[in-house]
Amino acid sequence: MADYIEDPVIDLFLQAMSATTGAARNTRTSYLTDLRDIDRILQKQGANLIGAQTADCRACLHEWHLRSYSARTISRRLSAMRHFMRWLIADGYRQDDPTRALDNPKLPSSLPKSLSEAEVDTLFKAVSELPSPEDLRMLAALELLYSAGLRISELLGLESDVTLHDADRLILRGKGGAERMVPLTNQAREAAEAWLRWRDAEGPILHTKQLFADRQRILSRQKFSLMLKDLAMRAGLKPDRVSPHVLRHSFATHMLNRGADLRSLQTLLGHADIATTQIYTRSRSDRLTGLVSDAHPLAQIDKIR
């Protein structure tokens, strides 16, 4: 087989994604990886991205099953293929969608992993065991992650002047460039200000606006994950149970447990579809049962009897 030659239409699609949806770099990279693989498989079939037919797309599914890919990986790649085909139609490259007859793989039912409130408390207590000034930086990061349910990209995208504007709330730019406003707690604001006072004691840094950068470099996603794993060990928790996304899930679960309504939680998390938020209700069927028992009119009558 000849060496793989990437179809230039992939780059056009990614440029369109960036221009129309403001897709983040990680999102574009994920699409690029998936579409390149699809393109390779199609070329092996003697087909191409623009002219692929349903049978060619099924060949991709077959290839992924032969590789023993998980249902989630196949679902993601199929989603990339569907999105790409819709763009081809919208831009006039083709008139039909060959993915319409393809079935999505059945995904395993999984609940979001989260920590208990007590475990989150132990994380905060363990911050004091970190060497200074890492304790100041980690406390500020934890306060913002857990009190506002931020994504790691949103946390690392915060700029140094974030605490100087609208001190009671944060304005975030999430997935697809969508903006949302979340409350900023006093503890989070004070922790961020304490970190900045230490960092900028000799004058503001000039190499970046990132809130969590030190005087040498920005704080990367990989570096923060390692810092969080170290903190988990200090707190006596298994490091593989603690991640920025687990803290986001913990925020959502604990808010729901304490009476937050789904619509408000959807807004705080920045979910485009409330169905994404509803998954948290499945992790607390006992709470929902108790809610009916305490709030339903007939349940109250039954208690009187």
C-alpha atoms as a PDB file:
ATOM      1  CA  MET A   1       0.000   0.000   0.000  1.00  0.00           C
ATOM      2  CA  ALA A   2       1.279   3.513  -0.811  1.00  0.00           C
ATOM      3  CA  ASP A   3       2.179   5.920   1.970  1.00  0.00           C
ATOM      4  CA  TYR A   4      -0.772   7.717   3.507  1.00  0.00           C
ATOM      5  CA  ILE A   5      -1.519  11.131   1.992  1.00  0.00           C
ATOM      6  CA  GLU A   6      -3.772  13.282   4.152  1.00  0.00           C
ATOM      7  CA  ASP A   7      -6.828  14.727   2.439  1.00  0.00           C
ATOM      8  CA  PRO A   8      -6.528  18.561   2.545  1.00  0.00           C
ATOM      9  CA  VAL A   9     -10.271  18.803   3.193  1.00  0.00           C
ATOM     10  CA  ILE A  10      -9.539  17.812   6.826  1.00  0.00           C
ATOM     11  CA  ASP A  11      -7.622  21.040   7.355  1.00  0.00           C
ATOM     12  CA  LEU A  12     -10.443  23.056   5.781  1.00  0.00           C
ATOM     13  CA  PHE A  13     -12.918  21.416   8.162  1.00  0.00           C
ATOM     14  CA  LEU A  14     -10.765  22.218  11.213  1.00  0.00           C
ATOM     15  CA  GLN A  15     -10.405  25.819  10.104  1.00  0.00           C
ATOM     16  CA  ALA A  16     -14.186  26.044   9.767  1.00  0.00           C
ATOM     17  CA  MET A  17     -14.620  24.563  13.271  1.00  0.00           C
ATOM     18  CA  SER A  18     -12.279  27.134  14.724  1.00  0.00           C
ATOM     19  CA  ALA A  19     -13.987  30.022  12.930  1.00  0.00           C
ATOM     20  CA  THR A  20     -17.619  29.067  13.555  1.00  0.00           C
ATOM     21  CA  THR A  21     -17.583  27.430  16.997  1.00  0.00           C
ATOM     22  CA  GLY A  22     -14.351  28.647  18.557  1.00  0.00           C
ATOM     23  CA  ALA A  23     -13.381  25.022  19.168  1.00  0.00           C
ATOM     24  CA  ALA A  24     -10.550  24.660  21.671  1.00  0.00           C
ATOM     25  CA  ARG A  25      -7.155  23.380  20.564  1.00  0.00           C
ATOM     26  CA  ASN A  26      -7.664  20.052  22.339  1.00  0.00           C
ATOM     27  CA  THR A  27     -10.991  19.578  20.550  1.00  0.00           C
ATOM     28  CA  ARG A  28      -9.440  20.280  17.162  1.00  0.00           C
ATOM     29  CA  THR A  29      -6.567  17.902  17.911  1.00  0.00           C
ATOM     30  CA  SER A  30      -9.032  15.156  18.828  1.00  0.00           C
ATOM     31  CA  TYR A  31     -10.968  15.666  15.589  1.00  0.00           C
ATOM     32  CA  LEU A  32      -7.728  15.666  13.605  1.00  0.00           C
ATOM     33  CA  THR A  33      -6.651  12.329  15.105  1.00  0.00           C
ATOM     34  CA  ASP A  34     -10.048  10.720  14.454  1.00  0.00           C
ATOM     35  CA  LEU A  35     -10.431  12.034  10.918  1.00  0.00           C
ATOM     36  CA  ARG A  36      -6.922  10.996   9.932  1.00  0.00           C
ATOM     37  CA  ASP A  37      -7.680   7.453  11.043  1.00  0.00           C
ATOM     38  CA  ILE A  38     -10.985   7.471   9.147  1.00  0.00           C
ATOM     39  CA  ASP A  39      -9.171   8.817   6.081  1.00  0.00           C
ATOM     40  CA  ARG A  40      -6.546   6.045   6.267  1.00  0.00           C
ATOM     41  CA  ILE A  41      -9.180   3.318   6.477  1.00  0.00           C
ATOM     42  CA  LEU A  42     -11.143   4.808   3.584  1.00  0.00           C
ATOM     43  CA  GLN A  43      -8.022   4.990   1.446  1.00  0.00           C
ATOM     44  CA  LYS A  44      -7.408   1.287   2.141  1.00  0.00           C
ATOM     45  CA  GLN A  45     -10.930   0.684   0.762  1.00  0.00           C
ATOM     46  CA  GLY A  46     -10.158   2.739  -2.335  1.00  0.00           C
ATOM     47  CA  ALA A  47     -12.485   5.504  -1.125  1.00  0.00           C
ATOM     48  CA  ASN A  48     -12.031   9.047   0.160  1.00  0.00           C
ATOM     49  CA  LEU A  49     -13.659  11.410   2.642  1.00  0.00           C
ATOM     50  CA  ILE A  50     -15.707  13.400   0.139  1.00  0.00           C
ATOM     51  CA  GLY A  51     -16.989  10.425  -1.843  1.00  0.00           C
ATOM     52  CA  ALA A  52     -17.366   7.830   0.931  1.00  0.00           C
ATOM     53  CA  GLN A  53     -20.530   5.727   0.837  1.00  0.00           C
ATOM     54  CA  THR A  54     -22.331   3.979   3.699  1.00  0.00           C
ATOM     55  CA  ALA A  55     -20.471   0.715   3.017  1.00  0.00           C
ATOM     56  CA  ASP A  56     -17.151   2.562   3.281  1.00  0.00           C
ATOM     57  CA  CYS A  57     -18.172   4.074   6.610  1.00  0.00           C
ATOM     58  CA  ARG A  58     -19.218   0.641   7.852  1.00  0.00           C
ATOM     59  CA  ALA A  59     -15.707  -0.561   6.941  1.00  0.00           C
ATOM     60  CA  CYS A  60     -14.384   1.992   9.443  1.00  0.00           C
ATOM     61  CA  LEU A  61     -16.657   0.594  12.160  1.00  0.00           C
ATOM     62  CA  HIS A  62     -15.527  -2.929  11.292  1.00  0.00           C
ATOM     63  CA  GLU A  63     -11.870  -1.911  11.493  1.00  0.00           C
ATOM     64  CA  TRP A  64     -12.375  -0.321  14.921  1.00  0.00           C
ATOM     65  CA  HIS A  65     -14.087  -3.452  16.225  1.00  0.00           C
ATOM     66  CA  LEU A  66     -11.163  -5.556  14.936  1.00  0.00           C
ATOM     67  CA  ARG A  67      -8.834  -3.279  16.919  1.00  0.00           C
ATOM     68  CA  SER A  68     -10.958  -3.964  20.028  1.00  0.00           C
ATOM     69  CA  TYR A  69     -11.690  -0.288  20.545  1.00  0.00           C
ATOM     70  CA  SER A  70     -14.066   0.501  23.402  1.00  0.00           C
ATOM     71  CA  ALA A  71     -17.643   1.535  22.686  1.00  0.00           C
ATOM     72  CA  ARG A  72     -16.806   5.060  23.841  1.00  0.00           C
ATOM     73  CA  THR A  73     -13.861   5.368  21.435  1.00  0.00           C
ATOM     74  CA  ILE A  74     -15.951   4.067  18.535  1.00  0.00           C
ATOM     75  CA  SER A  75     -18.797   6.396  19.473  1.00  0.00           C
ATOM     76  CA  ARG A  76     -16.417   9.377  19.536  1.00  0.00           C
ATOM     77  CA  ARG A  77     -14.924   8.549  16.141  1.00  0.00           C
ATOM     78  CA  LEU A  78     -18.347   7.952  14.653  1.00  0.00           C
ATOM     79  CA  SER A  79     -19.436  11.323  16.036  1.00  0.00           C
ATOM     80  CA  ALA A  80     -16.426  12.965  14.350  1.00  0.00           C
ATOM     81  CA  MET A  81     -17.381  11.264  11.085  1.00  0.00           C
ATOM     82  CA  ARG A  82     -21.002  12.445  11.351  1.00  0.00           C
ATOM     83  CA  HIS A  83     -19.943  16.009  12.162  1.00  0.00           C
ATOM     84  CA  PHE A  84     -17.548  16.022   9.223  1.00  0.00           C
ATOM     85  CA  MET A  85     -20.158  14.687   6.792  1.00  0.00           C
ATOM     86  CA  ARG A  86     -22.666  17.348   7.897  1.00  0.00           C
ATOM     87  CA  TRP A  87     -20.035  20.003   7.212  1.00  0.00           C
ATOM     88  CA  LEU A  88     -19.363  18.551   3.743  1.00  0.00           C
ATOM     89  CA  ILE A  89     -23.076  18.837   2.951  1.00  0.00           C
ATOM     90  CA  ALA A  90     -23.357  22.359   4.361  1.00  0.00           C
ATOM     91  CA  ASP A  91     -20.373  23.521   2.280  1.00  0.00           C
ATOM     92  CA  GLY A  92     -21.635  21.878  -0.901  1.00  0.00           C
ATOM     93  CA  TYR A  93     -19.009  19.144  -1.222  1.00  0.00           C
ATOM     94  CA  ARG A  94     -21.708  16.462  -1.288  1.00  0.00           C
ATOM     95  CA  GLN A  95     -25.492  16.142  -1.004  1.00  0.00           C
ATOM     96  CA  ASP A  96     -26.025  12.986   1.045  1.00  0.00           C
ATOM     97  CA  ASP A  97     -24.935  11.788   4.490  1.00  0.00           C
ATOM     98  CA  PRO A  98     -23.540   8.228   4.368  1.00  0.00           C
ATOM     99  CA  THR A  99     -23.548   7.975   8.174  1.00  0.00           C
ATOM    100  CA  ARG A 100     -27.345   8.267   8.545  1.00  0.00           C
ATOM    101  CA  ALA A 101     -27.816   4.490   8.311  1.00  0.00           C
ATOM    102  CA  LEU A 102     -25.106   3.725  10.887  1.00  0.00           C
ATOM    103  CA  ASP A 103     -26.076   2.766  14.429  1.00  0.00           C
ATOM    104  CA  ASN A 104     -24.300   4.193  17.440  1.00  0.00           C
ATOM    105  CA  PRO A 105     -22.618   1.585  19.653  1.00  0.00           C
ATOM    106  CA  LYS A 106     -24.349   0.968  22.947  1.00  0.00           C
ATOM    107  CA  LEU A 107     -22.373   2.740  25.626  1.00  0.00           C
ATOM    108  CA  PRO A 108     -21.896   1.197  29.055  1.00  0.00           C
ATOM    109  CA  SER A 109     -23.867   2.906  31.794  1.00  0.00           C
ATOM    110  CA  SER A 110     -21.422   4.673  34.071  1.00  0.00           C
ATOM    111  CA  LEU A 111     -21.858   7.189  36.849  1.00  0.00           C
ATOM    112  CA  PRO A 112     -19.477  10.098  37.305  1.00  0.00           C
ATOM    113  CA  LYS A 113     -16.798   9.398  39.896  1.00  0.00           C
ATOM    114  CA  SER A 114     -16.706  11.805  42.801  1.00  0.00           C
ATOM    115  CA  LEU A 115     -15.235  12.214  46.263  1.00  0.00           C
ATOM    116  CA  SER A 116     -17.228  12.424  49.454  1.00  0.00           C
ATOM    117  CA  GLU A 117     -17.467  15.752  51.232  1.00  0.00           C
ATOM    118  CA  ALA A 118     -15.175  14.382  53.961  1.00  0.00           C
ATOM    119  CA  GLU A 119     -12.568  13.399  51.364  1.00  0.00           C
ATOM    120  CA  VAL A 120     -12.650  16.861  49.823  1.00  0.00           C
ATOM    121  CA  ASP A 121     -12.104  18.289  53.317  1.00  0.00           C
ATOM    122  CA  THR A 122      -9.002  16.116  53.746  1.00  0.00           C
ATOM    123  CA  LEU A 123      -7.626  17.505  50.463  1.00  0.00           C
ATOM    124  CA  PHE A 124      -8.011  21.062  51.704  1.00  0.00           C
ATOM    125  CA  LYS A 125      -6.396  20.184  55.044  1.00  0.00           C
ATOM    126  CA  ALA A 126      -3.462  18.526  53.274  1.00  0.00           C
ATOM    127  CA  VAL A 127      -2.660  21.763  51.434  1.00  0.00           C
ATOM    128  CA  SER A 128      -0.979  23.071  54.599  1.00  0.00           C
ATOM    129  CA  GLU A 129       1.572  20.240  54.294  1.00  0.00           C
ATOM    130  CA  LEU A 130       2.801  21.529  50.921  1.00  0.00           C
ATOM    131  CA  PRO A 131       5.954  23.638  50.774  1.00  0.00           C
ATOM    132  CA  SER A 132       5.397  27.368  50.418  1.00  0.00           C
ATOM    133  CA  PRO A 133       4.450  28.899  47.992  1.00  0.00           C
ATOM    134  CA  GLU A 134       2.942  25.771  46.433  1.00  0.00           C
ATOM    135  CA  ASP A 135       0.459  25.706  49.315  1.00  0.00           C
ATOM    136  CA  LEU A 136      -0.825  29.155  48.309  1.00  0.00           C
ATOM    137  CA  ARG A 137      -1.165  28.228  44.649  1.00  0.00           C
ATOM    138  CA  MET A 138      -2.814  24.861  45.312  1.00  0.00           C
ATOM    139  CA  LEU A 139      -5.264  26.310  47.842  1.00  0.00           C
ATOM    140  CA  ALA A 140      -6.371  28.953  45.327  1.00  0.00           C
ATOM    141  CA  ALA A 141      -6.721  26.336  42.579  1.00  0.00           C
ATOM    142  CA  LEU A 142      -8.687  23.948  44.799  1.00  0.00           C
ATOM    143  CA  GLU A 143     -11.008  26.691  46.008  1.00  0.00           C
ATOM    144  CA  LEU A 144     -11.816  27.729  42.443  1.00  0.00           C
ATOM    145  CA  LEU A 145     -12.144  24.193  41.072  1.00  0.00           C
ATOM    146  CA  TYR A 146     -14.415  22.925  43.826  1.00  0.00           C
ATOM    147  CA  SER A 147     -16.409  26.061  44.656  1.00  0.00           C
ATOM    148  CA  ALA A 148     -17.266  26.844  41.032  1.00  0.00           C
ATOM    149  CA  GLY A 149     -17.114  23.393  39.390  1.00  0.00           C
ATOM    150  CA  LEU A 150     -14.592  24.548  36.802  1.00  0.00           C
ATOM    151  CA  ARG A 151     -13.135  22.474  33.998  1.00  0.00           C
ATOM    152  CA  ILE A 152      -9.329  22.276  34.109  1.00  0.00           C
ATOM    153  CA  SER A 153      -9.132  24.299  30.872  1.00  0.00           C
ATOM    154  CA  GLU A 154     -11.262  27.020  32.487  1.00  0.00           C
ATOM    155  CA  LEU A 155      -9.113  27.054  35.628  1.00  0.00           C
ATOM    156  CA  LEU A 156      -5.846  27.346  33.706  1.00  0.00           C
ATOM    157  CA  GLY A 157      -7.404  29.951  31.418  1.00  0.00           C
ATOM    158  CA  LEU A 158      -8.086  32.370  34.284  1.00  0.00           C
ATOM    159  CA  GLU A 159      -6.060  35.556  34.098  1.00  0.00           C
ATOM    160  CA  SER A 160      -4.354  37.449  36.916  1.00  0.00           C
ATOM    161  CA  ASP A 161      -6.900  40.269  36.993  1.00  0.00           C
ATOM    162  CA  VAL A 162      -9.822  37.871  37.478  1.00  0.00           C
ATOM    163  CA  THR A 163     -10.265  38.897  41.112  1.00  0.00           C
ATOM    164  CA  LEU A 164     -10.288  42.597  40.275  1.00  0.00           C
ATOM    165  CA  HIS A 165     -13.501  42.563  38.223  1.00  0.00           C
ATOM    166  CA  ASP A 166     -16.962  41.665  39.522  1.00  0.00           C
ATOM    167  CA  ALA A 167     -15.555  40.307  42.764  1.00  0.00           C
ATOM    168  CA  ASP A 168     -18.606  38.186  43.512  1.00  0.00           C
ATOM    169  CA  ARG A 169     -18.580  36.211  40.271  1.00  0.00           C
ATOM    170  CA  LEU A 170     -16.464  34.799  37.464  1.00  0.00           C
ATOM    171  CA  ILE A 171     -17.188  35.044  33.752  1.00  0.00           C
ATOM    172  CA  LEU A 172     -15.923  31.891  32.063  1.00  0.00           C
ATOM    173  CA  ARG A 173     -15.521  30.867  28.453  1.00  0.00           C
ATOM    174  CA  GLY A 174     -16.302  27.161  28.225  1.00  0.00           C
ATOM    175  CA  LYS A 175     -16.751  24.610  25.466  1.00  0.00           C
ATOM    176  CA  GLY A 176     -17.471  26.049  22.048  1.00  0.00           C
ATOM    177  CA  GLY A 177     -16.641  29.531  23.309  1.00  0.00           C
ATOM    178  CA  ALA A 178     -19.893  29.735  25.302  1.00  0.00           C
ATOM    179  CA  GLU A 179     -19.749  32.182  28.199  1.00  0.00           C
ATOM    180  CA  ARG A 180     -21.287  31.617  31.609  1.00  0.00           C
ATOM    181  CA  MET A 181     -21.217  33.380  34.939  1.00  0.00           C
ATOM    182  CA  VAL A 182     -20.544  31.531  38.205  1.00  0.00           C
ATOM    183  CA  PRO A 183     -20.416  32.832  41.779  1.00  0.00           C
ATOM    184  CA  LEU A 184     -16.981  33.494  43.273  1.00  0.00           C
ATOM    185  CA  THR A 185     -16.844  32.612  46.974  1.00  0.00           C
ATOM    186  CA  ASN A 186     -15.042  34.823  49.461  1.00  0.00           C
ATOM    187  CA  GLN A 187     -12.670  31.954  50.285  1.00  0.00           C
ATOM    188  CA  ALA A 188     -11.756  31.453  46.627  1.00  0.00           C
ATOM    189  CA  ARG A 189     -11.200  35.163  46.032  1.00  0.00           C
ATOM    190  CA  GLU A 190      -9.079  35.527  49.173  1.00  0.00           C
ATOM    191  CA  ALA A 191      -7.005  32.453  48.285  1.00  0.00           C
ATOM    192  CA  ALA A 192      -6.365  33.762  44.758  1.00  0.00           C
ATOM    193  CA  GLU A 193      -5.397  37.169  46.103  1.00  0.00           C
ATOM    194  CA  ALA A 194      -3.013  35.589  48.651  1.00  0.00           C
ATOM    195  CA  TRP A 195      -1.277  33.664  45.871  1.00  0.00           C
ATOM    196  CA  LEU A 196      -0.968  36.778  43.713  1.00  0.00           C
ATOM    197  CA  ARG A 197       0.385  38.879  46.598  1.00  0.00           C
ATOM    198  CA  TRP A 198       3.195  36.376  47.092  1.00  0.00           C
ATOM    199  CA  ARG A 199       3.899  35.855  43.388  1.00  0.00           C
ATOM    200  CA  ASP A 200       3.881  39.539  42.462  1.00  0.00           C
ATOM    201  CA  ALA A 201       5.661  40.841  45.570  1.00  0.00           C
ATOM    202  CA  GLU A 202       8.581  41.910  43.360  1.00  0.00           C
ATOM    203  CA  GLY A 203       6.327  43.229  40.607  1.00  0.00           C
ATOM    204  CA  PRO A 204       3.836  41.658  38.159  1.00  0.00           C
ATOM    205  CA  ILE A 205       5.156  38.951  35.864  1.00  0.00           C
ATOM    206  CA  LEU A 206       5.295  39.865  32.187  1.00  0.00           C
ATOM    207  CA  HIS A 207       5.578  36.546  30.326  1.00  0.00           C
ATOM    208  CA  THR A 208       1.892  35.593  30.719  1.00  0.00           C
ATOM    209  CA  LYS A 209      -1.449  36.733  32.118  1.00  0.00           C
ATOM    210  CA  GLN A 210      -2.254  33.270  33.532  1.00  0.00           C
ATOM    211  CA  LEU A 211      -3.387  33.452  37.162  1.00  0.00           C
ATOM    212  CA  PHE A 212      -1.499  30.337  38.245  1.00  0.00           C
ATOM    213  CA  ALA A 213       1.777  30.957  36.439  1.00  0.00           C
ATOM    214  CA  ASP A 214       4.874  31.496  38.560  1.00  0.00           C
ATOM    215  CA  ARG A 215       7.732  33.811  37.680  1.00  0.00           C
ATOM    216  CA  GLN A 216       9.328  31.216  35.379  1.00  0.00           C
ATOM    217  CA  ARG A 217       6.529  29.495  33.470  1.00  0.00           C
ATOM    218  CA  ILE A 218       2.807  28.961  33.090  1.00  0.00           C
ATOM    219  CA  LEU A 219       1.077  26.149  34.969  1.00  0.00           C
ATOM    220  CA  SER A 220       0.384  23.353  32.493  1.00  0.00           C
ATOM    221  CA  ARG A 221      -2.375  20.775  32.656  1.00  0.00           C
ATOM    222  CA  GLN A 222       0.194  18.001  33.165  1.00  0.00           C
ATOM    223  CA  LYS A 223       2.003  19.867  35.959  1.00  0.00           C
ATOM    224  CA  PHE A 224      -1.205  20.598  37.818  1.00  0.00           C
ATOM    225  CA  SER A 225      -2.336  16.965  37.563  1.00  0.00           C
ATOM    226  CA  LEU A 226       0.957  15.844  39.133  1.00  0.00           C
ATOM    227  CA  MET A 227       0.565  18.430  41.893  1.00  0.00           C
ATOM    228  CA  LEU A 228      -2.956  17.192  42.584  1.00  0.00           C
ATOM    229  CA  LYS A 229      -1.807  13.549  42.722  1.00  0.00           C
ATOM    230  CA  ASP A 230       0.872  14.528  45.239  1.00  0.00           C
ATOM    231  CA  LEU A 231      -1.714  16.334  47.328  1.00  0.00           C
ATOM    232  CA  ALA A 232      -3.984  13.262  47.238  1.00  0.00           C
ATOM    233  CA  MET A 233      -1.184  11.098  48.645  1.00  0.00           C
ATOM    234  CA  ARG A 234      -0.558  13.620  51.421  1.00  0.00           C
ATOM    235  CA  ALA A 235      -4.285  13.469  52.202  1.00  0.00           C
ATOM    236  CA  GLY A 236      -4.244   9.666  52.385  1.00  0.00           C
ATOM    237  CA  LEU A 237      -6.328   9.235  49.229  1.00  0.00           C
ATOM    238  CA  LYS A 238      -5.519   7.047  46.251  1.00  0.00           C
ATOM    239  CA  PRO A 239      -4.004   9.362  43.612  1.00  0.00           C
ATOM    240  CA  ASP A 240      -5.910   7.692  40.774  1.00  0.00           C
ATOM    241  CA  ARG A 241      -9.191   8.736  42.457  1.00  0.00           C
ATOM    242  CA  VAL A 242      -8.350  12.436  42.361  1.00  0.00           C
ATOM    243  CA  SER A 243      -8.282  14.614  39.243  1.00  0.00           C
ATOM    244  CA  PRO A 244      -9.603  18.043  38.225  1.00  0.00           C
ATOM    245  CA  HIS A 245     -12.604  16.389  36.570  1.00  0.00           C
ATOM    246  CA  VAL A 246     -13.349  14.330  39.692  1.00  0.00           C
ATOM    247  CA  LEU A 247     -13.428  17.579  41.683  1.00  0.00           C
ATOM    248  CA  ARG A 248     -15.875  19.011  39.128  1.00  0.00           C
ATOM    249  CA  HIS A 249     -18.051  15.908  39.526  1.00  0.00           C
ATOM    250  CA  SER A 250     -17.758  16.214  43.313  1.00  0.00           C
ATOM    251  CA  PHE A 251     -18.942  19.823  43.157  1.00  0.00           C
ATOM    252  CA  ALA A 252     -21.990  18.802  41.121  1.00  0.00           C
ATOM    253  CA  THR A 253     -22.848  15.788  43.281  1.00  0.00           C
ATOM    254  CA  HIS A 254     -22.507  17.691  46.542  1.00  0.00           C
ATOM    255  CA  MET A 255     -24.559  20.612  45.236  1.00  0.00           C
ATOM    256  CA  LEU A 256     -27.345  18.254  44.193  1.00  0.00           C
ATOM    257  CA  ASN A 257     -27.193  16.407  47.499  1.00  0.00           C
ATOM    258  CA  ARG A 258     -27.670  19.696  49.331  1.00  0.00           C
ATOM    259  CA  GLY A 259     -30.751  20.684  47.369  1.00  0.00           C
ATOM    260  CA  ALA A 260     -29.570  22.446  44.200  1.00  0.00           C
ATOM    261  CA  ASP A 261     -32.061  22.171  41.334  1.00  0.00           C
ATOM    262  CA  LEU A 262     -30.985  20.675  38.026  1.00  0.00           C
ATOM    263  CA  ARG A 263     -31.514  23.823  35.950  1.00  0.00           C
ATOM    264  CA  SER A 264     -29.307  25.908  38.248  1.00  0.00           C
ATOM    265  CA  LEU A 265     -26.682  23.165  38.299  1.00  0.00           C
ATOM    266  CA  GLN A 266     -26.789  22.989  34.495  1.00  0.00           C
ATOM    267  CA  THR A 267     -26.045  26.724  34.342  1.00  0.00           C
ATOM    268  CA  LEU A 268     -23.207  26.493  36.856  1.00  0.00           C
ATOM    269  CA  LEU A 269     -21.562  23.599  35.010  1.00  0.00           C
ATOM    270  CA  GLY A 270     -22.053  25.110  31.568  1.00  0.00           C
ATOM    271  CA  HIS A 271     -23.828  22.063  30.127  1.00  0.00           C
ATOM    272  CA  ALA A 272     -25.534  22.759  26.803  1.00  0.00           C
ATOM    273  CA  ASP A 273     -28.011  19.899  27.384  1.00  0.00           C
ATOM    274  CA  ILE A 274     -29.699  19.240  30.717  1.00  0.00           C
ATOM    275  CA  ALA A 275     -29.485  15.508  29.953  1.00  0.00           C
ATOM    276  CA  THR A 276     -25.772  15.800  30.696  1.00  0.00           C
ATOM    277  CA  THR A 277     -26.577  17.248  34.110  1.00  0.00           C
ATOM    278  CA  GLN A 278     -29.239  14.643  34.860  1.00  0.00           C
ATOM    279  CA  ILE A 279     -26.634  11.891  35.121  1.00  0.00           C
ATOM    280  CA  TYR A 280     -25.868  13.150  38.628  1.00  0.00           C
ATOM    281  CA  THR A 281     -29.371  12.244  39.794  1.00  0.00           C
ATOM    282  CA  ARG A 282     -28.622   8.574  39.087  1.00  0.00           C
ATOM    283  CA  SER A 283     -25.854   8.572  41.652  1.00  0.00           C
ATOM    284  CA  ARG A 284     -28.258   9.573  44.431  1.00  0.00           C
ATOM    285  CA  SER A 285     -31.432   7.534  44.064  1.00  0.00           C
ATOM    286  CA  ASP A 286     -31.659   7.477  47.850  1.00  0.00           C
ATOM    287  CA  ARG A 287     -31.839  11.282  47.947  1.00  0.00           C
ATOM    288  CA  LEU A 288     -34.626  11.334  45.343  1.00  0.00           C
ATOM    289  CA  THR A 289     -36.558   8.727  47.293  1.00  0.00           C
ATOM    290  CA  GLY A 290     -36.187  10.830  50.420  1.00  0.00           C
ATOM    291  CA  LEU A 291     -37.273  13.924  48.529  1.00  0.00           C
ATOM    292  CA  VAL A 292     -40.547  12.263  47.517  1.00  0.00           C
ATOM    293  CA  SER A 293     -41.047  10.998  51.067  1.00  0.00           C
ATOM    294  CA  ASP A 294     -40.536  14.460  52.553  1.00  0.00           C
ATOM    295  CA  ALA A 295     -42.183  16.659  49.928  1.00  0.00           C
ATOM    296  CA  HIS A 296     -44.997  14.741  48.222  1.00  0.00           C
ATOM    297  CA  PRO A 297     -48.508  15.650  49.523  1.00  0.00           C
ATOM    298  CA  LEU A 298     -49.664  12.032  49.690  1.00  0.00           C
ATOM    299  CA  ALA A 299     -46.529  11.097  51.615  1.00  0.00           C
ATOM    300  CA  GLN A 300     -47.391  13.742  54.194  1.00  0.00           C
ATOM    301  CA  ILE A 301     -50.911  12.355  54.535  1.00  0.00           C
ATOM    302  CA  ASP A 302     -49.487   8.865  55.013  1.00  0.00           C
ATOM    303  CA  LYS A 303     -47.277  10.132  57.849  1.00  0.00           C
ATOM    304  CA  ILE A 304     -50.300  11.661  59.617  1.00  0.00           C
ATOM    305  CA  ARG A 305     -52.141   8.376  59.381  1.00  0.00           C
END
